[in-house]
Protein backbone atom coordinates (compact mmCIF):
# COMPACT_ATOMS: atom_id res chain seq x y z
CA MET A 1 54.34 -100.67 198.08
CA LEU A 2 50.69 -100.11 199.92
CA ARG A 3 49.71 -98.03 197.25
CA MET A 4 50.49 -100.33 194.53
CA ILE A 5 48.47 -103.21 196.34
CA ARG A 6 45.54 -100.59 196.51
CA LEU A 7 45.60 -99.89 192.65
CA THR A 8 46.44 -103.34 191.92
CA PHE A 9 42.80 -104.01 193.82
CA ALA A 10 41.04 -100.35 192.33
CA LEU A 11 41.76 -101.72 188.88
CA ALA A 12 40.78 -105.34 189.56
CA SER A 13 38.15 -104.04 191.01
CA CYS A 14 36.53 -102.01 187.90
CA SER A 15 37.58 -104.71 185.75
CA LEU A 16 34.78 -107.16 187.22
CA LEU A 17 32.09 -104.66 187.73
CA ALA A 18 32.78 -103.39 184.25
CA ALA A 19 32.64 -107.33 182.84
CA ALA A 20 29.46 -107.51 185.25
CA CYS A 21 27.56 -104.52 184.06
CA GLY A 22 28.38 -105.18 180.49
CA PRO A 23 25.89 -105.05 177.17
CA SER A 24 22.64 -106.01 178.64
CA ILE A 25 20.21 -107.94 176.18
CA THR A 26 17.04 -107.59 175.94
CA SER A 27 14.04 -109.74 176.03
CA VAL A 28 12.78 -110.14 172.53
CA GLU A 29 17.13 -110.74 171.97
CA HIS A 30 17.16 -113.84 174.92
CA PHE A 31 13.54 -115.20 173.30
CA ARG A 32 15.13 -115.54 169.42
CA HIS A 33 18.52 -116.79 170.94
CA PRO A 34 19.05 -120.29 169.46
CA GLU A 35 20.02 -121.52 172.98
CA SER A 36 16.88 -119.76 174.76
CA GLY A 37 14.60 -122.11 173.52
CA GLY A 38 12.17 -119.59 173.03
CA ILE A 39 10.98 -118.85 169.40
CA LYS A 40 11.86 -122.54 168.74
CA ARG A 41 9.10 -123.48 171.39
CA ALA A 42 7.09 -120.95 169.71
CA ALA A 43 7.56 -121.83 166.47
CA PHE A 44 6.62 -125.85 167.76
CA GLU A 45 3.43 -125.30 169.99
CA MET A 46 2.26 -122.77 167.14
CA GLU A 47 2.57 -124.69 164.73
CA CYS A 48 4.51 -121.82 162.69
CA PRO A 49 7.66 -122.00 161.12
CA GLU A 50 10.42 -119.46 163.33
CA ASP A 51 10.06 -117.10 160.07
CA GLN A 52 6.82 -116.54 160.29
CA LEU A 53 6.33 -115.49 163.98
CA GLN A 54 6.66 -112.03 165.04
CA VAL A 55 7.91 -111.04 168.52
CA THR A 56 6.38 -107.99 170.53
CA ASP A 57 7.83 -107.09 173.93
CA LEU A 58 5.34 -107.04 176.27
CA GLY A 59 7.36 -105.97 179.69
CA GLY A 60 8.72 -107.87 182.46
CA TRP A 61 10.29 -110.90 180.46
CA THR A 62 6.69 -111.41 178.98
CA ILE A 63 6.63 -111.76 174.83
CA GLY A 64 3.89 -111.92 172.79
CA VAL A 65 4.43 -113.96 169.10
CA THR A 66 2.17 -113.81 166.25
CA GLY A 67 2.03 -116.01 163.00
CA CYS A 68 -0.02 -118.23 160.73
CA GLY A 69 -3.08 -116.26 161.94
CA LYS A 70 -2.09 -117.43 165.58
CA LYS A 71 -0.53 -115.83 168.90
CA ALA A 72 0.57 -116.65 171.92
CA VAL A 73 2.14 -114.40 175.28
CA PHE A 74 5.05 -116.85 176.39
CA LYS A 75 7.17 -115.47 179.89
CA LEU A 76 10.49 -115.87 181.37
CA ALA A 77 10.27 -118.86 184.23
CA THR A 78 13.41 -119.35 186.53
CA GLY A 79 14.26 -122.96 185.87
CA ALA A 80 11.93 -123.74 182.89
CA GLY A 81 13.02 -121.29 180.10
CA TRP A 82 10.18 -119.66 178.20
CA VAL A 83 6.74 -121.46 178.92
CA ASN A 84 3.59 -120.08 177.17
CA ASN A 85 1.58 -118.26 178.90
CA THR A 86 -1.66 -118.90 176.85
CA ALA A 87 -5.26 -119.66 178.47
CA THR A 88 -6.43 -122.01 175.60
CA GLU A 89 -9.52 -121.45 174.09
CA GLU A 90 -11.46 -124.08 176.33
CA GLN A 91 -9.53 -122.82 179.51
CA ALA A 92 -11.18 -119.55 178.61
CA THR A 93 -15.19 -120.42 178.39
CA LYS A 94 -14.94 -122.62 181.30
CA LYS A 95 -15.82 -120.70 184.51
């Protein structure tokens, strides 16, 4: 009986671990996923249709987006989603 309980516990533990460590999603896939809001936000902020945006993984859940002659950097912020992390020209020239 004890052996059966241990076996059941071991199988349940393995199932939980497999589910928790399932297939991982890349930052680019997450950014492009409709529920993340990343690609929609980029299209809106850059005034460029989604299908014209090129997305590049810059590492550390940071995405580079180019399209329509513009480029921007988006960062995944906990609790806020994908946020534009690009300084405007005005901010870049202020000292």
